[in-house]
Amino acid sequence: MLNPRLAGRYAKSLIDIAVEQNSLEEILKDIQLIDTVCKQNSDFVALMRSPIIKADKKTSIVEAIFASKLSTLTMSFIKLLIHKGREHNIDEIAIAFIAQYRFNKKMRMVKLTTAAPVEAAVVTTLQNKLAALYTGSTIHIETAVDASLLGGFVLDMGDKQMDASIARDLNDIKKQFSKNLYVAQI
């Protein structure tokens, strides 16, 4: 992120206004759309970050793209970003908004990566165990398949990671043998 503090402040301001106007869920959908556009269209991000393109041109482009898709509050917010010269942070602000929304709603996002596709029953069991561990939180599990793990799983949850993969075990063994701890040094 280029400026996480700025993104967090703008995201918090938008959340506060959305809560005040009782339209938080609507604004979340708008911000998720913006986040998707930013992730899928690098030209849009480049346009917003360009110092050459004038603010009024950026405003008219944003209106042409999003006018029928976003609420008036979100459109006003984007226009404010452009007016204040902060439009180059729109992708960061969208990410910060979604993160703050999840934090406020006590949602925990978990990514489960396995070597082979996992059954729904296993995901449900994991979800129940994590819900018991983190009482009061809603657990959302995203699954992914990475054949390079060879077996086992990697569980990512916020800033915590549990790596129980065969690939990690093999790397640990390789490091032990490369250090040659079991041969006396002469």
C-alpha atoms as a PDB file:
ATOM      1  CA  MET A   1       0.000   0.000   0.000  1.00  0.00           C
ATOM      2  CA  LEU A   2       1.201   3.452  -0.783  1.00  0.00           C
ATOM      3  CA  ASN A   3      -0.492   5.251   2.109  1.00  0.00           C
ATOM      4  CA  PRO A   4      -2.390   2.973   4.508  1.00  0.00           C
ATOM      5  CA  ARG A   5      -3.040   5.705   7.090  1.00  0.00           C
ATOM      6  CA  LEU A   6      -4.738   7.961   4.544  1.00  0.00           C
ATOM      7  CA  ALA A   7      -6.722   5.031   3.117  1.00  0.00           C
ATOM      8  CA  GLY A   8      -7.872   4.034   6.602  1.00  0.00           C
ATOM      9  CA  ARG A   9      -9.033   7.548   7.447  1.00  0.00           C
ATOM     10  CA  TYR A  10     -11.037   7.989   4.259  1.00  0.00           C
ATOM     11  CA  ALA A  11     -12.514   4.497   4.637  1.00  0.00           C
ATOM     12  CA  LYS A  12     -13.534   5.225   8.232  1.00  0.00           C
ATOM     13  CA  SER A  13     -15.142   8.494   7.192  1.00  0.00           C
ATOM     14  CA  LEU A  14     -17.174   6.741   4.526  1.00  0.00           C
ATOM     15  CA  ILE A  15     -18.227   4.019   6.979  1.00  0.00           C
ATOM     16  CA  ASP A  16     -19.302   6.638   9.520  1.00  0.00           C
ATOM     17  CA  ILE A  17     -21.410   8.489   6.954  1.00  0.00           C
ATOM     18  CA  ALA A  18     -22.900   5.221   5.654  1.00  0.00           C
ATOM     19  CA  VAL A  19     -23.858   4.160   9.191  1.00  0.00           C
ATOM     20  CA  GLU A  20     -25.334   7.604   9.846  1.00  0.00           C
ATOM     21  CA  GLN A  21     -27.455   7.343   6.680  1.00  0.00           C
ATOM     22  CA  ASN A  22     -28.302   3.679   7.382  1.00  0.00           C
ATOM     23  CA  SER A  23     -26.862   2.551   4.040  1.00  0.00           C
ATOM     24  CA  LEU A  24     -23.758   0.616   5.059  1.00  0.00           C
ATOM     25  CA  GLU A  25     -24.635  -2.547   3.138  1.00  0.00           C
ATOM     26  CA  GLU A  26     -25.384  -0.572  -0.034  1.00  0.00           C
ATOM     27  CA  ILE A  27     -22.095   1.309   0.234  1.00  0.00           C
ATOM     28  CA  LEU A  28     -20.257  -1.970   0.845  1.00  0.00           C
ATOM     29  CA  LYS A  29     -21.592  -3.325  -2.460  1.00  0.00           C
ATOM     30  CA  ASP A  30     -20.500  -0.124  -4.202  1.00  0.00           C
ATOM     31  CA  ILE A  31     -17.017  -0.303  -2.726  1.00  0.00           C
ATOM     32  CA  GLN A  32     -16.729  -3.987  -3.616  1.00  0.00           C
ATOM     33  CA  LEU A  33     -17.582  -3.050  -7.215  1.00  0.00           C
ATOM     34  CA  ILE A  34     -14.883  -0.373  -7.188  1.00  0.00           C
ATOM     35  CA  ASP A  35     -12.418  -2.845  -5.678  1.00  0.00           C
ATOM     36  CA  THR A  36     -13.239  -5.377  -8.400  1.00  0.00           C
ATOM     37  CA  VAL A  37     -12.785  -2.764 -11.125  1.00  0.00           C
ATOM     38  CA  CYS A  38      -9.441  -1.710  -9.644  1.00  0.00           C
ATOM     39  CA  LYS A  39      -8.210  -5.309  -9.448  1.00  0.00           C
ATOM     40  CA  GLN A  40      -9.383  -6.296 -12.920  1.00  0.00           C
ATOM     41  CA  ASN A  41      -8.624  -3.112 -14.833  1.00  0.00           C
ATOM     42  CA  SER A  42      -5.145  -1.697 -14.419  1.00  0.00           C
ATOM     43  CA  ASP A  43      -6.009   1.048 -16.916  1.00  0.00           C
ATOM     44  CA  PHE A  44      -8.591   2.462 -14.513  1.00  0.00           C
ATOM     45  CA  VAL A  45      -6.031   2.559 -11.677  1.00  0.00           C
ATOM     46  CA  ALA A  46      -3.473   4.132 -14.017  1.00  0.00           C
ATOM     47  CA  LEU A  47      -6.065   6.746 -15.031  1.00  0.00           C
ATOM     48  CA  MET A  48      -6.798   7.608 -11.415  1.00  0.00           C
ATOM     49  CA  ARG A  49      -3.081   7.845 -10.582  1.00  0.00           C
ATOM     50  CA  SER A  50      -2.167   9.906 -13.629  1.00  0.00           C
ATOM     51  CA  PRO A  51      -1.083  13.452 -12.762  1.00  0.00           C
ATOM     52  CA  ILE A  52      -1.525  14.472 -16.413  1.00  0.00           C
ATOM     53  CA  ILE A  53      -5.280  13.920 -16.581  1.00  0.00           C
ATOM     54  CA  LYS A  54      -7.215  16.819 -15.064  1.00  0.00           C
ATOM     55  CA  ALA A  55      -9.681  16.354 -12.209  1.00  0.00           C
ATOM     56  CA  ASP A  56     -12.722  17.381 -14.256  1.00  0.00           C
ATOM     57  CA  LYS A  57     -11.855  14.793 -16.924  1.00  0.00           C
ATOM     58  CA  LYS A  58     -11.439  12.097 -14.237  1.00  0.00           C
ATOM     59  CA  THR A  59     -14.809  13.072 -12.758  1.00  0.00           C
ATOM     60  CA  SER A  60     -16.559  12.787 -16.105  1.00  0.00           C
ATOM     61  CA  ILE A  61     -14.920   9.397 -16.777  1.00  0.00           C
ATOM     62  CA  VAL A  62     -15.936   8.084 -13.353  1.00  0.00           C
ATOM     63  CA  GLU A  63     -19.491   9.326 -13.911  1.00  0.00           C
ATOM     64  CA  ALA A  64     -19.605   7.598 -17.291  1.00  0.00           C
ATOM     65  CA  ILE A  65     -18.386   4.312 -15.810  1.00  0.00           C
ATOM     66  CA  PHE A  66     -20.245   4.237 -12.495  1.00  0.00           C
ATOM     67  CA  ALA A  67     -23.220   6.644 -12.719  1.00  0.00           C
ATOM     68  CA  SER A  68     -25.903   3.965 -12.985  1.00  0.00           C
ATOM     69  CA  LYS A  69     -24.088   1.444 -10.777  1.00  0.00           C
ATOM     70  CA  LEU A  70     -23.225   3.374  -7.616  1.00  0.00           C
ATOM     71  CA  SER A  71     -25.309   5.135  -4.993  1.00  0.00           C
ATOM     72  CA  THR A  72     -25.260   8.915  -4.784  1.00  0.00           C
ATOM     73  CA  LEU A  73     -23.257   8.784  -1.545  1.00  0.00           C
ATOM     74  CA  THR A  74     -20.525   6.687  -3.129  1.00  0.00           C
ATOM     75  CA  MET A  75     -20.434   8.875  -6.234  1.00  0.00           C
ATOM     76  CA  SER A  76     -20.165  11.966  -4.049  1.00  0.00           C
ATOM     77  CA  PHE A  77     -17.357  10.312  -2.119  1.00  0.00           C
ATOM     78  CA  ILE A  78     -15.414   9.527  -5.301  1.00  0.00           C
ATOM     79  CA  LYS A  79     -15.932  13.082  -6.550  1.00  0.00           C
ATOM     80  CA  LEU A  80     -14.625  14.343  -3.203  1.00  0.00           C
ATOM     81  CA  LEU A  81     -11.536  12.155  -3.572  1.00  0.00           C
ATOM     82  CA  ILE A  82     -10.927  13.605  -7.019  1.00  0.00           C
ATOM     83  CA  HIS A  83     -11.526  17.167  -5.807  1.00  0.00           C
ATOM     84  CA  LYS A  84      -9.067  16.683  -2.914  1.00  0.00           C
ATOM     85  CA  GLY A  85      -6.469  15.063  -5.194  1.00  0.00           C
ATOM     86  CA  ARG A  86      -6.706  11.691  -3.431  1.00  0.00           C
ATOM     87  CA  GLU A  87      -8.131   9.680  -6.332  1.00  0.00           C
ATOM     88  CA  HIS A  88      -4.813   7.881  -6.767  1.00  0.00           C
ATOM     89  CA  ASN A  89      -5.563   6.080  -3.483  1.00  0.00           C
ATOM     90  CA  ILE A  90      -9.000   4.793  -4.524  1.00  0.00           C
ATOM     91  CA  ASP A  91      -7.901   1.165  -4.664  1.00  0.00           C
ATOM     92  CA  GLU A  92      -6.290   1.383  -1.219  1.00  0.00           C
ATOM     93  CA  ILE A  93      -9.357   3.108   0.213  1.00  0.00           C
ATOM     94  CA  ALA A  94     -11.601   0.358  -1.154  1.00  0.00           C
ATOM     95  CA  ILE A  95      -9.433  -2.330   0.467  1.00  0.00           C
ATOM     96  CA  ALA A  96      -9.347  -0.413   3.763  1.00  0.00           C
ATOM     97  CA  PHE A  97     -13.136   0.078   3.692  1.00  0.00           C
ATOM     98  CA  ILE A  98     -13.772  -3.646   3.201  1.00  0.00           C
ATOM     99  CA  ALA A  99     -11.287  -4.527   5.961  1.00  0.00           C
ATOM    100  CA  GLN A 100     -12.869  -2.063   8.409  1.00  0.00           C
ATOM    101  CA  TYR A 101     -16.348  -3.308   7.535  1.00  0.00           C
ATOM    102  CA  ARG A 102     -15.298  -6.877   8.270  1.00  0.00           C
ATOM    103  CA  PHE A 103     -13.648  -5.818  11.521  1.00  0.00           C
ATOM    104  CA  ASN A 104     -16.752  -3.926  12.651  1.00  0.00           C
ATOM    105  CA  LYS A 105     -18.998  -6.873  11.776  1.00  0.00           C
ATOM    106  CA  LYS A 106     -16.576  -9.272  13.530  1.00  0.00           C
ATOM    107  CA  MET A 107     -15.940 -11.239  10.365  1.00  0.00           C
ATOM    108  CA  ARG A 108     -12.810 -13.328  10.103  1.00  0.00           C
ATOM    109  CA  MET A 109     -11.570 -14.242   6.666  1.00  0.00           C
ATOM    110  CA  VAL A 110      -9.726 -17.543   6.433  1.00  0.00           C
ATOM    111  CA  LYS A 111      -7.943 -18.985   3.430  1.00  0.00           C
ATOM    112  CA  LEU A 112      -7.484 -22.751   3.358  1.00  0.00           C
ATOM    113  CA  THR A 113      -4.999 -23.963   0.767  1.00  0.00           C
ATOM    114  CA  THR A 114      -4.722 -27.700   0.166  1.00  0.00           C
ATOM    115  CA  ALA A 115      -2.934 -29.938  -2.318  1.00  0.00           C
ATOM    116  CA  ALA A 116      -6.227 -31.377  -3.577  1.00  0.00           C
ATOM    117  CA  PRO A 117      -9.820 -30.115  -3.502  1.00  0.00           C
ATOM    118  CA  VAL A 118     -11.343 -30.428  -0.049  1.00  0.00           C
ATOM    119  CA  GLU A 119     -14.838 -31.704   0.726  1.00  0.00           C
ATOM    120  CA  ALA A 120     -17.534 -29.359   2.009  1.00  0.00           C
ATOM    121  CA  ALA A 121     -17.838 -31.393   5.229  1.00  0.00           C
ATOM    122  CA  VAL A 122     -14.192 -30.680   6.072  1.00  0.00           C
ATOM    123  CA  VAL A 123     -14.684 -26.965   5.455  1.00  0.00           C
ATOM    124  CA  THR A 124     -17.794 -26.959   7.653  1.00  0.00           C
ATOM    125  CA  THR A 125     -15.951 -28.779  10.447  1.00  0.00           C
ATOM    126  CA  LEU A 126     -13.076 -26.298  10.256  1.00  0.00           C
ATOM    127  CA  GLN A 127     -15.533 -23.408  10.248  1.00  0.00           C
ATOM    128  CA  ASN A 128     -17.260 -24.758  13.379  1.00  0.00           C
ATOM    129  CA  LYS A 129     -13.938 -25.253  15.201  1.00  0.00           C
ATOM    130  CA  LEU A 130     -12.773 -21.741  14.349  1.00  0.00           C
ATOM    131  CA  ALA A 131     -16.151 -20.290  15.365  1.00  0.00           C
ATOM    132  CA  ALA A 132     -15.792 -22.014  18.749  1.00  0.00           C
ATOM    133  CA  LEU A 133     -12.268 -20.660  19.087  1.00  0.00           C
ATOM    134  CA  TYR A 134     -13.260 -17.109  18.106  1.00  0.00           C
ATOM    135  CA  THR A 135     -16.635 -16.727  19.790  1.00  0.00           C
ATOM    136  CA  GLY A 136     -18.791 -13.915  18.506  1.00  0.00           C
ATOM    137  CA  SER A 137     -17.064 -13.874  15.125  1.00  0.00           C
ATOM    138  CA  THR A 138     -18.385 -14.968  11.789  1.00  0.00           C
ATOM    139  CA  ILE A 139     -15.921 -17.181   9.938  1.00  0.00           C
ATOM    140  CA  HIS A 140     -15.702 -17.082   6.132  1.00  0.00           C
ATOM    141  CA  ILE A 141     -13.479 -19.725   4.557  1.00  0.00           C
ATOM    142  CA  GLU A 142     -12.059 -19.398   1.072  1.00  0.00           C
ATOM    143  CA  THR A 143     -10.520 -22.553  -0.332  1.00  0.00           C
ATOM    144  CA  ALA A 144      -7.699 -22.825  -2.838  1.00  0.00           C
ATOM    145  CA  VAL A 145      -5.765 -25.697  -4.382  1.00  0.00           C
ATOM    146  CA  ASP A 146      -1.983 -25.646  -4.710  1.00  0.00           C
ATOM    147  CA  ALA A 147      -0.506 -28.940  -5.899  1.00  0.00           C
ATOM    148  CA  SER A 148       3.001 -27.838  -4.873  1.00  0.00           C
ATOM    149  CA  LEU A 149       2.031 -28.447  -1.226  1.00  0.00           C
ATOM    150  CA  LEU A 150       2.143 -32.210  -1.975  1.00  0.00           C
ATOM    151  CA  GLY A 151      -0.194 -32.870   0.955  1.00  0.00           C
ATOM    152  CA  GLY A 152      -1.495 -31.294   4.123  1.00  0.00           C
ATOM    153  CA  PHE A 153      -2.749 -27.727   4.218  1.00  0.00           C
ATOM    154  CA  VAL A 154      -1.903 -24.069   4.803  1.00  0.00           C
ATOM    155  CA  LEU A 155      -4.348 -22.007   6.837  1.00  0.00           C
ATOM    156  CA  ASP A 156      -4.088 -18.198   6.593  1.00  0.00           C
ATOM    157  CA  MET A 157      -6.114 -16.061   8.979  1.00  0.00           C
ATOM    158  CA  GLY A 158      -5.234 -12.415   9.142  1.00  0.00           C
ATOM    159  CA  ASP A 159      -1.644 -12.144  10.307  1.00  0.00           C
ATOM    160  CA  LYS A 160      -1.477 -15.787  11.400  1.00  0.00           C
ATOM    161  CA  GLN A 161      -0.490 -18.752   9.272  1.00  0.00           C
ATOM    162  CA  MET A 162      -0.502 -22.452  10.061  1.00  0.00           C
ATOM    163  CA  ASP A 163       1.562 -24.423   7.576  1.00  0.00           C
ATOM    164  CA  ALA A 164       0.984 -28.166   7.933  1.00  0.00           C
ATOM    165  CA  SER A 165       2.035 -29.054   4.394  1.00  0.00           C
ATOM    166  CA  ILE A 166       4.301 -31.850   3.275  1.00  0.00           C
ATOM    167  CA  ALA A 167       6.320 -29.358   1.193  1.00  0.00           C
ATOM    168  CA  ARG A 168       7.221 -27.377   4.334  1.00  0.00           C
ATOM    169  CA  ASP A 169       8.167 -30.565   6.180  1.00  0.00           C
ATOM    170  CA  LEU A 170      10.436 -31.613   3.300  1.00  0.00           C
ATOM    171  CA  ASN A 171      12.051 -28.162   3.237  1.00  0.00           C
ATOM    172  CA  ASP A 172      12.677 -28.364   6.990  1.00  0.00           C
ATOM    173  CA  ILE A 173      14.351 -31.763   6.574  1.00  0.00           C
ATOM    174  CA  LYS A 174      16.405 -30.443   3.652  1.00  0.00           C
ATOM    175  CA  LYS A 175      17.652 -27.546   5.816  1.00  0.00           C
ATOM    176  CA  GLN A 176      18.613 -29.924   8.604  1.00  0.00           C
ATOM    177  CA  PHE A 177      20.630 -32.102   6.230  1.00  0.00           C
ATOM    178  CA  SER A 178      22.247 -29.108   4.523  1.00  0.00           C
ATOM    179  CA  LYS A 179      23.503 -27.870   7.905  1.00  0.00           C
ATOM    180  CA  ASN A 180      24.777 -31.396   8.530  1.00  0.00           C
ATOM    181  CA  LEU A 181      24.128 -31.206  12.273  1.00  0.00           C
ATOM    182  CA  TYR A 182      24.705 -34.920  12.747  1.00  0.00           C
ATOM    183  CA  VAL A 183      28.284 -35.046  11.515  1.00  0.00           C
ATOM    184  CA  ALA A 184      31.038 -34.001  13.885  1.00  0.00           C
ATOM    185  CA  GLN A 185      32.945 -31.027  12.594  1.00  0.00           C
ATOM    186  CA  ILE A 186      36.657 -31.637  12.272  1.00  0.00           C
END
